[in-house]
Amino acid sequence: MVIKNRYSLDEVSKVLKKNKETLRRWDRTGKLNAVREPMSNYRYYEKEQLEIFPEFHSYFEKEETDNKVLPDRDFSVLELFAGAGGLAIGLEKAGLKCKGLNEMDKWACKTLRANRPNWNVLEGDIRNFSFEEYRGKINVVTGGFPCQAFSYAGKKLGLNDARGTLFYEFARAVDEVKPDICIGENVKGLLNHDSGNTLRGMISILDEIGYAVVSPVRVLKAINYKVPQKRERLILVGVRKDIIEKYEYPKPYQRIYNLKDALKKGDLFNKNVPDSAGSLYPDHKRGVLELVPPGGYWRDLPVDIQKEYMQKSFYLGGGKTGMARRISWDEPCLTLTCSPAQKQTERCHPDETRPFTVREYARIQTFPDNWEFSGSVSQQYKQIGNAVPVNLALEIGYSLVKFLNAVYQNK
């Protein structure tokens, strides 16, 4: 976090090491009054208010992380399961050259071609492609393969044991290309899928084809990498065994960006979010969400409406914090999904009772405003919701460049 003149509730909570409820109590009792914008009621604090706290000064004595590093030469990437290009844009911004992208969704392929006509988009089922032509020509193979289980049963798996799964196709491509490093991206749940057996099997297969997986496998929180969203992604890194240099995951940043940073002009974007199409809530859902305050969810509704709206879910365990959820300006957004209006994963705009628009969705995923998405509105939401946040991909890109610079330093 850099020193500036205004700070959100989230930022002050981090700097002063006080939870948000304490700060709200201080606001009510006059110990530290928040400033509110007249129209949106957005709450923030002025720098002058915070300078009386020793914690404010000690916090900024820490040296801020900077992962940026420039490539010493051209490094190339082959991307599998490329989607709408979130990972590819980030790696490109880090200086890596995209030599090929495989994706089977026709609308995502249209998006890739429309925005980067020079990219070699390999449209179709990965099972129908051979990647032998890239052997010895690619430094990095990446892939956000879907998580599919296969029988592990405590044995050391080989590549053939994964046949029929999309991880097999990822590993096959790595084996055909033999890059310096491979990056697999997946949901956090892969860590414990089938009691960890699925991940152990993947590690065993990469080991068999000559890749040592960086341990421990890490889950990266997007909010630590300039993404205004509480998204978590498991990153599986395999380094070819003949390479002695070690890969290091990107270091997290101190500053946490919030929804206002995503949609308003500021440090993340140089203008307010552009207007665009978006979904609407049915009248009944809109009526319910009208009652939810910014930062609130179903528990903020009257009990009779909770029961009617939640139905069977009302009596089940768990917080269900995504239901009837309205995001506030001063917090990062919850993880975006492929559809913005589903009952379990509502992400309502802070001021208007509607889902986020397509361009708001894209901003929260840190796509540039000039990156256009093809297909219907629902297809565009799907592409954005499935993507790796661009800024997270950029930081991963820097970590790859740093690694590859070291590998080729003396070559």
Protein backbone atom coordinates (compact mmCIF):
# COMPACT_ATOMS: atom_id res chain seq x y z
CA MET A 1 0.00 0.00 0.00
CA VAL A 2 1.31 3.42 -0.93
CA ILE A 3 0.79 6.55 1.18
CA LYS A 4 -2.16 8.52 -0.18
CA ASN A 5 -4.76 11.02 1.02
CA ARG A 6 -7.82 8.76 1.37
CA TYR A 7 -8.24 5.25 2.76
CA SER A 8 -11.15 2.81 2.67
CA LEU A 9 -12.50 0.98 5.71
CA ASP A 10 -10.69 -2.19 4.58
CA GLU A 11 -7.40 -0.35 4.25
CA VAL A 12 -7.67 1.36 7.65
CA SER A 13 -8.50 -1.99 9.22
CA LYS A 14 -5.28 -3.41 7.77
CA VAL A 15 -3.09 -0.40 8.61
CA LEU A 16 -4.31 0.08 12.22
CA LYS A 17 -4.74 -3.67 12.83
CA LYS A 18 -8.31 -3.19 14.01
CA ASN A 19 -11.29 -5.15 12.79
CA LYS A 20 -13.98 -3.32 10.87
CA GLU A 21 -16.53 -3.60 13.68
CA THR A 22 -14.11 -1.75 15.99
CA LEU A 23 -13.72 0.99 13.39
CA ARG A 24 -17.48 1.27 12.99
CA ARG A 25 -17.82 1.57 16.79
CA TRP A 26 -15.15 4.29 16.82
CA ASP A 27 -17.15 6.07 14.13
CA ARG A 28 -20.34 5.90 16.21
CA THR A 29 -18.63 7.07 19.39
CA GLY A 30 -16.59 9.82 17.71
CA LYS A 31 -13.14 8.35 18.33
CA LEU A 32 -12.42 8.17 14.59
CA ASN A 33 -15.16 9.55 12.37
CA ALA A 34 -15.37 8.31 8.81
CA VAL A 35 -16.08 10.74 6.01
CA ARG A 36 -19.06 9.85 3.81
CA GLU A 37 -19.67 10.77 0.21
CA PRO A 38 -23.09 12.50 -0.07
CA MET A 39 -24.55 10.45 -2.94
CA SER A 40 -23.23 6.93 -2.38
CA ASN A 41 -22.66 7.06 1.39
CA TYR A 42 -19.24 5.54 0.64
CA ARG A 43 -17.13 5.62 3.82
CA TYR A 44 -13.48 6.66 3.83
CA TYR A 45 -10.83 8.25 6.06
CA GLU A 46 -8.51 11.17 5.40
CA LYS A 47 -4.76 10.75 5.82
CA GLU A 48 -4.69 13.55 8.42
CA GLN A 49 -7.11 11.58 10.63
CA LEU A 50 -4.83 8.57 10.66
CA GLU A 51 -1.50 10.26 11.28
CA ILE A 52 -2.22 10.46 15.03
CA PHE A 53 -1.86 6.66 15.21
CA PRO A 54 1.67 5.20 15.60
CA GLU A 55 0.49 2.14 13.65
CA PHE A 56 -0.06 4.33 10.60
CA HIS A 57 3.59 5.40 10.47
CA SER A 58 5.05 2.00 11.33
CA TYR A 59 2.95 0.34 8.64
CA PHE A 60 4.45 2.47 5.90
CA GLU A 61 7.98 1.90 7.11
CA LYS A 62 7.69 -1.52 5.53
CA GLU A 63 9.12 -1.76 2.04
CA GLU A 64 6.42 -2.37 -0.53
CA THR A 65 6.73 -5.44 -2.72
CA ASP A 66 7.56 -4.98 -6.38
CA ASN A 67 7.58 -8.17 -8.42
CA LYS A 68 8.20 -6.47 -11.76
CA VAL A 69 11.16 -7.79 -13.74
CA LEU A 70 11.96 -7.44 -17.44
CA PRO A 71 12.83 -10.47 -19.60
CA ASP A 72 16.46 -10.68 -20.69
CA ARG A 73 15.41 -12.32 -23.98
CA ASP A 74 12.27 -13.56 -25.72
CA PHE A 75 10.47 -16.23 -23.71
CA SER A 76 7.51 -18.11 -25.16
CA VAL A 77 4.27 -19.61 -23.83
CA LEU A 78 1.86 -22.28 -25.00
CA GLU A 79 -1.46 -21.94 -23.21
CA LEU A 80 -4.02 -24.73 -22.86
CA PHE A 81 -7.66 -24.26 -21.78
CA ALA A 82 -7.09 -20.58 -22.57
CA GLY A 83 -10.65 -19.30 -22.07
CA ALA A 84 -11.17 -15.62 -22.82
CA GLY A 85 -7.52 -14.74 -22.26
CA GLY A 86 -7.17 -13.56 -18.65
CA LEU A 87 -4.00 -15.55 -18.05
CA ALA A 88 -2.66 -14.85 -21.54
CA ILE A 89 -3.08 -11.06 -21.20
CA GLY A 90 -1.27 -11.06 -17.86
CA LEU A 91 1.63 -13.13 -19.19
CA GLU A 92 1.82 -10.90 -22.26
CA LYS A 93 1.98 -7.79 -20.06
CA ALA A 94 4.86 -9.43 -18.17
CA GLY A 95 6.77 -9.70 -21.44
CA LEU A 96 6.16 -13.35 -22.38
CA LYS A 97 5.34 -14.18 -26.02
CA CYS A 98 2.23 -16.26 -26.63
CA LYS A 99 2.92 -18.81 -29.40
CA GLY A 100 -0.30 -20.79 -29.23
CA LEU A 101 -3.57 -21.00 -27.30
CA ASN A 102 -5.88 -24.01 -27.24
CA GLU A 103 -9.55 -23.52 -26.34
CA MET A 104 -12.67 -25.43 -27.37
CA ASP A 105 -15.39 -22.86 -26.49
CA LYS A 106 -16.21 -21.10 -29.77
CA TRP A 107 -17.17 -17.80 -28.12
CA ALA A 108 -13.97 -17.64 -26.11
CA CYS A 109 -12.02 -18.33 -29.32
CA LYS A 110 -13.88 -15.49 -31.05
CA THR A 111 -12.92 -13.24 -28.14
CA LEU A 112 -9.24 -14.20 -28.43
CA ARG A 113 -9.13 -13.67 -32.19
CA ALA A 114 -11.03 -10.38 -32.06
CA ASN A 115 -8.62 -8.88 -29.54
CA ARG A 116 -5.35 -10.46 -30.68
CA PRO A 117 -5.53 -11.33 -34.40
CA ASN A 118 -1.83 -12.23 -34.29
CA TRP A 119 -2.31 -14.97 -31.67
CA ASN A 120 -2.38 -18.54 -32.94
CA VAL A 121 -5.71 -19.78 -31.58
CA LEU A 122 -6.07 -23.58 -31.79
CA GLU A 123 -9.84 -24.01 -31.59
CA GLY A 124 -11.18 -27.42 -30.67
CA ASP A 125 -10.96 -30.30 -28.22
CA ILE A 126 -7.43 -30.64 -26.86
CA ARG A 127 -7.67 -34.40 -27.41
CA ASN A 128 -7.55 -33.75 -31.15
CA PHE A 129 -4.27 -31.81 -31.09
CA SER A 130 -0.65 -32.88 -31.07
CA PHE A 131 1.85 -30.36 -29.70
CA GLU A 132 5.00 -32.09 -30.95
CA GLU A 133 5.74 -29.18 -33.32
CA TYR A 134 6.41 -26.97 -30.29
CA ARG A 135 9.01 -29.29 -28.78
CA GLY A 136 12.12 -27.34 -27.80
CA LYS A 137 10.53 -24.04 -28.88
CA ILE A 138 8.44 -23.18 -25.80
CA ASN A 139 9.63 -22.05 -22.36
CA VAL A 140 6.31 -22.25 -20.49
CA VAL A 141 3.21 -24.42 -20.85
CA THR A 142 0.19 -23.24 -18.86
CA GLY A 143 -3.22 -24.74 -18.38
CA GLY A 144 -6.31 -24.16 -16.26
CA PHE A 145 -7.43 -27.76 -16.61
CA PRO A 146 -10.75 -28.81 -15.00
CA CYS A 147 -10.37 -30.92 -11.87
CA GLN A 148 -11.26 -34.55 -12.50
CA ALA A 149 -10.63 -37.44 -10.14
CA PHE A 150 -8.82 -40.61 -11.09
CA SER A 151 -7.99 -43.70 -9.06
CA TYR A 152 -4.88 -43.17 -6.92
CA ALA A 153 -5.18 -45.86 -4.23
CA GLY A 154 -1.82 -45.05 -2.66
CA LYS A 155 0.28 -46.02 -5.67
CA LYS A 156 2.73 -43.99 -7.74
CA LEU A 157 0.74 -43.00 -10.81
CA GLY A 158 2.09 -42.79 -14.33
CA LEU A 159 0.75 -40.77 -17.24
CA ASN A 160 -1.41 -43.60 -18.57
CA ASP A 161 -3.29 -43.82 -15.27
CA ALA A 162 -4.80 -40.38 -15.97
CA ARG A 163 -6.18 -41.28 -19.41
CA GLY A 164 -9.66 -39.93 -19.99
CA THR A 165 -9.12 -36.87 -17.81
CA LEU A 166 -8.20 -33.38 -18.95
CA PHE A 167 -5.19 -33.42 -16.65
CA TYR A 168 -3.88 -36.26 -18.80
CA GLU A 169 -4.14 -33.93 -21.82
CA PHE A 170 -2.29 -31.19 -19.94
CA ALA A 171 0.47 -33.61 -18.90
CA ARG A 172 0.62 -35.10 -22.41
CA ALA A 173 1.15 -31.62 -23.89
CA VAL A 174 3.90 -30.90 -21.35
CA ASP A 175 5.54 -34.23 -22.20
CA GLU A 176 5.36 -33.48 -25.95
CA VAL A 177 6.68 -29.91 -25.66
CA LYS A 178 9.22 -30.34 -22.82
CA PRO A 179 9.16 -26.68 -21.67
CA ASP A 180 11.45 -25.36 -18.94
CA ILE A 181 8.47 -24.96 -16.62
CA CYS A 182 4.76 -25.73 -16.58
CA ILE A 183 1.99 -24.01 -14.65
CA GLY A 184 -1.32 -25.67 -13.80
CA GLU A 185 -4.11 -23.47 -12.44
CA ASN A 186 -7.19 -24.74 -10.63
CA VAL A 187 -9.71 -24.14 -7.88
CA LYS A 188 -8.61 -24.12 -4.24
CA GLY A 189 -10.66 -27.27 -3.62
CA LEU A 190 -8.13 -29.37 -5.57
CA LEU A 191 -5.90 -29.33 -2.47
CA ASN A 192 -8.32 -31.60 -0.60
CA HIS A 193 -10.14 -33.24 -3.49
CA ASP A 194 -10.55 -36.96 -2.75
CA SER A 195 -8.62 -36.43 0.50
CA GLY A 196 -5.68 -35.01 -1.44
CA ASN A 197 -5.32 -38.11 -3.64
CA THR A 198 -6.12 -36.27 -6.87
CA LEU A 199 -3.35 -33.71 -6.32
CA ARG A 200 -0.89 -36.41 -5.22
CA GLY A 201 -1.68 -38.28 -8.42
CA MET A 202 -1.02 -35.20 -10.53
CA ILE A 203 2.30 -34.62 -8.81
CA SER A 204 3.23 -38.27 -9.40
CA ILE A 205 2.41 -38.00 -13.10
CA LEU A 206 4.46 -34.83 -13.58
CA ASP A 207 7.33 -36.53 -11.77
CA GLU A 208 7.13 -39.47 -14.19
CA ILE A 209 7.42 -37.19 -17.25
CA GLY A 210 10.42 -35.37 -15.78
CA TYR A 211 9.02 -32.45 -13.80
CA ALA A 212 9.57 -31.70 -10.12
CA VAL A 213 6.58 -29.95 -8.58
CA VAL A 214 7.45 -26.92 -6.45
CA SER A 215 6.51 -27.71 -2.86
CA PRO A 216 4.35 -26.78 -1.15
CA VAL A 217 1.70 -26.29 -3.80
CA ARG A 218 0.34 -22.81 -3.16
CA VAL A 219 -3.11 -21.22 -3.23
CA LEU A 220 -2.73 -17.57 -4.25
CA LYS A 221 -5.27 -15.03 -3.03
CA ALA A 222 -6.07 -12.59 -5.81
CA ILE A 223 -6.62 -9.73 -3.35
CA ASN A 224 -2.87 -9.86 -2.57
CA TYR A 225 -2.02 -9.19 -6.22
CA LYS A 226 -3.89 -5.98 -7.10
CA VAL A 227 -7.20 -7.70 -7.81
CA PRO A 228 -10.30 -6.24 -6.08
CA GLN A 229 -11.85 -9.69 -5.60
CA LYS A 230 -11.67 -12.44 -2.97
CA ARG A 231 -10.72 -15.10 -5.47
CA GLU A 232 -8.34 -17.96 -4.67
CA ARG A 233 -6.56 -20.12 -7.23
CA LEU A 234 -4.33 -23.14 -6.74
CA ILE A 235 -1.10 -22.82 -8.74
CA LEU A 236 0.75 -26.07 -9.50
CA VAL A 237 4.29 -25.44 -10.79
CA GLY A 238 6.50 -28.08 -12.37
CA VAL A 239 10.18 -27.44 -13.19
CA ARG A 240 12.02 -29.71 -15.62
CA LYS A 241 14.36 -31.85 -13.56
CA ASP A 242 17.55 -30.95 -15.44
CA ILE A 243 17.11 -27.28 -14.39
CA ILE A 244 18.77 -26.34 -11.09
CA GLU A 245 17.25 -22.86 -10.62
CA LYS A 246 14.37 -22.64 -8.19
CA TYR A 247 11.00 -21.12 -8.96
CA GLU A 248 9.59 -18.66 -6.40
CA TYR A 249 5.93 -17.72 -6.21
CA PRO A 250 5.20 -13.97 -6.59
CA LYS A 251 5.37 -12.03 -3.33
CA PRO A 252 2.06 -10.59 -2.09
CA TYR A 253 1.43 -6.86 -2.02
CA GLN A 254 0.31 -5.03 1.12
CA ARG A 255 -2.43 -2.94 -0.44
CA ILE A 256 -5.88 -4.48 -0.77
CA TYR A 257 -8.06 -2.95 -3.49
CA ASN A 258 -11.83 -2.72 -3.08
CA LEU A 259 -14.87 -2.42 -5.31
CA LYS A 260 -14.55 1.35 -5.57
CA ASP A 261 -11.01 0.88 -6.92
CA ALA A 262 -12.44 -1.47 -9.55
CA LEU A 263 -15.33 0.64 -10.79
CA LYS A 264 -14.21 4.22 -10.18
CA LYS A 265 -11.31 6.27 -11.51
CA GLY A 266 -8.25 5.75 -9.29
CA ASP A 267 -5.03 3.80 -8.95
CA LEU A 268 -6.27 0.67 -10.76
CA PHE A 269 -8.06 2.36 -13.68
CA ASN A 270 -7.74 5.87 -15.09
CA LYS A 271 -11.47 6.38 -15.62
CA ASN A 272 -14.83 5.20 -14.32
CA VAL A 273 -16.11 1.87 -15.62
CA PRO A 274 -17.72 2.20 -19.08
CA ASP A 275 -21.43 1.57 -19.53
CA SER A 276 -22.38 -1.85 -20.87
CA ALA A 277 -25.11 -4.46 -21.03
CA GLY A 278 -25.96 -6.60 -18.05
CA SER A 279 -28.50 -8.95 -16.51
CA LEU A 280 -31.46 -7.83 -14.40
CA TYR A 281 -33.10 -9.44 -11.37
CA PRO A 282 -36.66 -10.75 -11.56
CA ASP A 283 -39.12 -8.48 -9.74
CA HIS A 284 -39.37 -10.77 -6.68
CA LYS A 285 -35.59 -11.01 -6.21
CA ARG A 286 -35.21 -7.27 -6.79
CA GLY A 287 -37.80 -6.61 -4.06
CA VAL A 288 -35.85 -8.77 -1.61
CA LEU A 289 -32.45 -7.28 -2.44
CA GLU A 290 -33.83 -3.75 -2.07
CA LEU A 291 -33.92 -4.52 1.67
CA VAL A 292 -30.25 -5.54 1.89
CA PRO A 293 -27.73 -2.80 2.80
CA PRO A 294 -24.27 -2.50 1.14
CA GLY A 295 -22.04 -5.20 2.64
CA GLY A 296 -25.10 -7.14 3.81
CA TYR A 297 -26.67 -10.46 2.88
CA TRP A 298 -29.69 -12.62 3.70
CA ARG A 299 -29.26 -12.31 7.48
CA ASP A 300 -30.03 -8.59 7.15
CA LEU A 301 -33.56 -9.41 5.94
CA PRO A 302 -36.62 -9.79 8.23
CA VAL A 303 -36.89 -13.40 9.39
CA ASP A 304 -40.12 -14.10 7.51
CA ILE A 305 -38.53 -12.92 4.26
CA GLN A 306 -35.39 -14.95 5.03
CA LYS A 307 -37.47 -18.12 5.28
CA GLU A 308 -39.48 -17.38 2.16
CA TYR A 309 -36.46 -16.47 0.08
CA MET A 310 -34.04 -19.11 1.37
CA GLN A 311 -36.59 -21.93 1.52
CA LYS A 312 -34.80 -25.21 2.43
CA SER A 313 -31.41 -23.44 2.57
CA PHE A 314 -32.62 -21.47 5.60
CA TYR A 315 -32.50 -24.64 7.72
CA LEU A 316 -29.14 -25.91 6.48
CA GLY A 317 -25.77 -25.27 8.12
CA GLY A 318 -23.10 -22.87 6.91
CA GLY A 319 -23.08 -19.11 6.55
CA LYS A 320 -24.32 -19.04 2.93
CA THR A 321 -22.82 -15.55 2.74
CA GLY A 322 -23.25 -15.36 -1.04
CA MET A 323 -27.05 -15.45 -0.88
CA ALA A 324 -28.88 -12.13 -1.23
CA ARG A 325 -25.46 -10.47 -1.09
CA ARG A 326 -24.95 -6.78 -1.83
CA ILE A 327 -21.29 -5.78 -2.14
CA SER A 328 -20.17 -2.52 -0.50
CA TRP A 329 -17.84 0.02 -2.09
CA ASP A 330 -15.20 -0.38 0.62
CA GLU A 331 -14.63 -4.15 0.32
CA PRO A 332 -13.24 -6.43 -2.38
CA CYS A 333 -15.92 -8.26 -4.34
CA LEU A 334 -16.67 -11.88 -3.54
CA THR A 335 -15.49 -14.39 -6.16
CA LEU A 336 -17.31 -13.85 -9.43
CA THR A 337 -19.13 -16.82 -10.94
CA CYS A 338 -20.27 -17.59 -14.48
CA SER A 339 -23.69 -16.11 -13.83
CA PRO A 340 -24.21 -12.96 -11.71
CA ALA A 341 -27.79 -13.63 -10.65
CA GLN A 342 -27.80 -17.20 -9.33
CA LYS A 343 -29.43 -17.56 -5.94
CA GLN A 344 -26.39 -19.00 -4.17
CA THR A 345 -23.92 -16.47 -5.56
CA GLU A 346 -25.60 -13.07 -5.88
CA ARG A 347 -23.29 -10.11 -6.29
CA CYS A 348 -25.54 -7.06 -6.14
CA HIS A 349 -24.30 -3.56 -6.99
CA PRO A 350 -23.81 -1.32 -3.91
CA ASP A 351 -26.16 1.49 -4.95
CA GLU A 352 -28.40 0.01 -7.63
CA THR A 353 -30.41 -3.17 -7.14
CA ARG A 354 -29.00 -5.12 -10.07
CA PRO A 355 -26.16 -7.54 -10.86
CA PHE A 356 -22.86 -6.14 -12.04
CA THR A 357 -22.77 -5.37 -15.76
CA VAL A 358 -20.43 -7.11 -18.19
CA ARG A 359 -17.85 -4.31 -18.03
CA GLU A 360 -18.12 -4.15 -14.22
CA TYR A 361 -17.53 -7.91 -14.15
CA ALA A 362 -14.49 -7.42 -16.38
CA ARG A 363 -13.13 -4.62 -14.17
CA ILE A 364 -13.42 -6.80 -11.07
CA GLN A 365 -11.35 -9.42 -12.95
CA THR A 366 -8.93 -6.58 -13.96
CA PHE A 367 -9.46 -7.01 -17.70
CA PRO A 368 -8.54 -3.86 -19.65
CA ASP A 369 -11.53 -1.83 -20.86
CA ASN A 370 -10.56 -2.36 -24.49
CA TRP A 371 -10.77 -6.16 -24.20
CA GLU A 372 -14.05 -7.02 -25.91
CA PHE A 373 -15.99 -10.24 -25.28
CA SER A 374 -17.88 -12.13 -28.00
CA GLY A 375 -21.28 -13.79 -27.81
CA SER A 376 -24.46 -13.10 -25.88
CA VAL A 377 -24.44 -11.34 -22.52
CA SER A 378 -24.66 -14.71 -20.74
CA GLN A 379 -21.73 -16.03 -22.80
CA GLN A 380 -19.70 -12.94 -21.89
CA TYR A 381 -20.42 -13.38 -18.17
CA LYS A 382 -19.35 -17.02 -18.46
CA GLN A 383 -16.04 -16.13 -20.13
CA ILE A 384 -15.23 -13.46 -17.56
CA GLY A 385 -16.30 -15.55 -14.56
CA ASN A 386 -14.09 -18.46 -15.66
CA ALA A 387 -11.01 -16.33 -16.25
CA VAL A 388 -7.82 -15.94 -14.26
CA PRO A 389 -7.73 -12.30 -13.05
CA VAL A 390 -5.39 -10.40 -15.35
CA ASN A 391 -3.41 -8.73 -12.55
CA LEU A 392 -2.85 -12.06 -10.80
CA ALA A 393 -1.66 -13.49 -14.12
CA LEU A 394 0.70 -10.52 -14.52
CA GLU A 395 2.37 -11.23 -11.16
CA ILE A 396 2.68 -14.93 -12.04
CA GLY A 397 4.21 -13.76 -15.33
CA TYR A 398 6.83 -11.72 -13.49
CA SER A 399 7.72 -14.77 -11.38
CA LEU A 400 8.16 -16.82 -14.57
CA VAL A 401 10.34 -14.14 -16.17
CA LYS A 402 12.53 -14.00 -13.05
CA PHE A 403 12.91 -17.78 -13.13
CA LEU A 404 13.67 -17.94 -16.86
CA ASN A 405 16.17 -15.07 -16.65
CA ALA A 406 18.08 -17.13 -14.07
CA VAL A 407 17.88 -20.29 -16.18
CA TYR A 408 19.29 -18.58 -19.28
CA GLN A 409 21.71 -16.24 -17.54
CA ASN A 410 24.79 -18.19 -18.55
CA LYS A 411 23.51 -19.67 -21.81
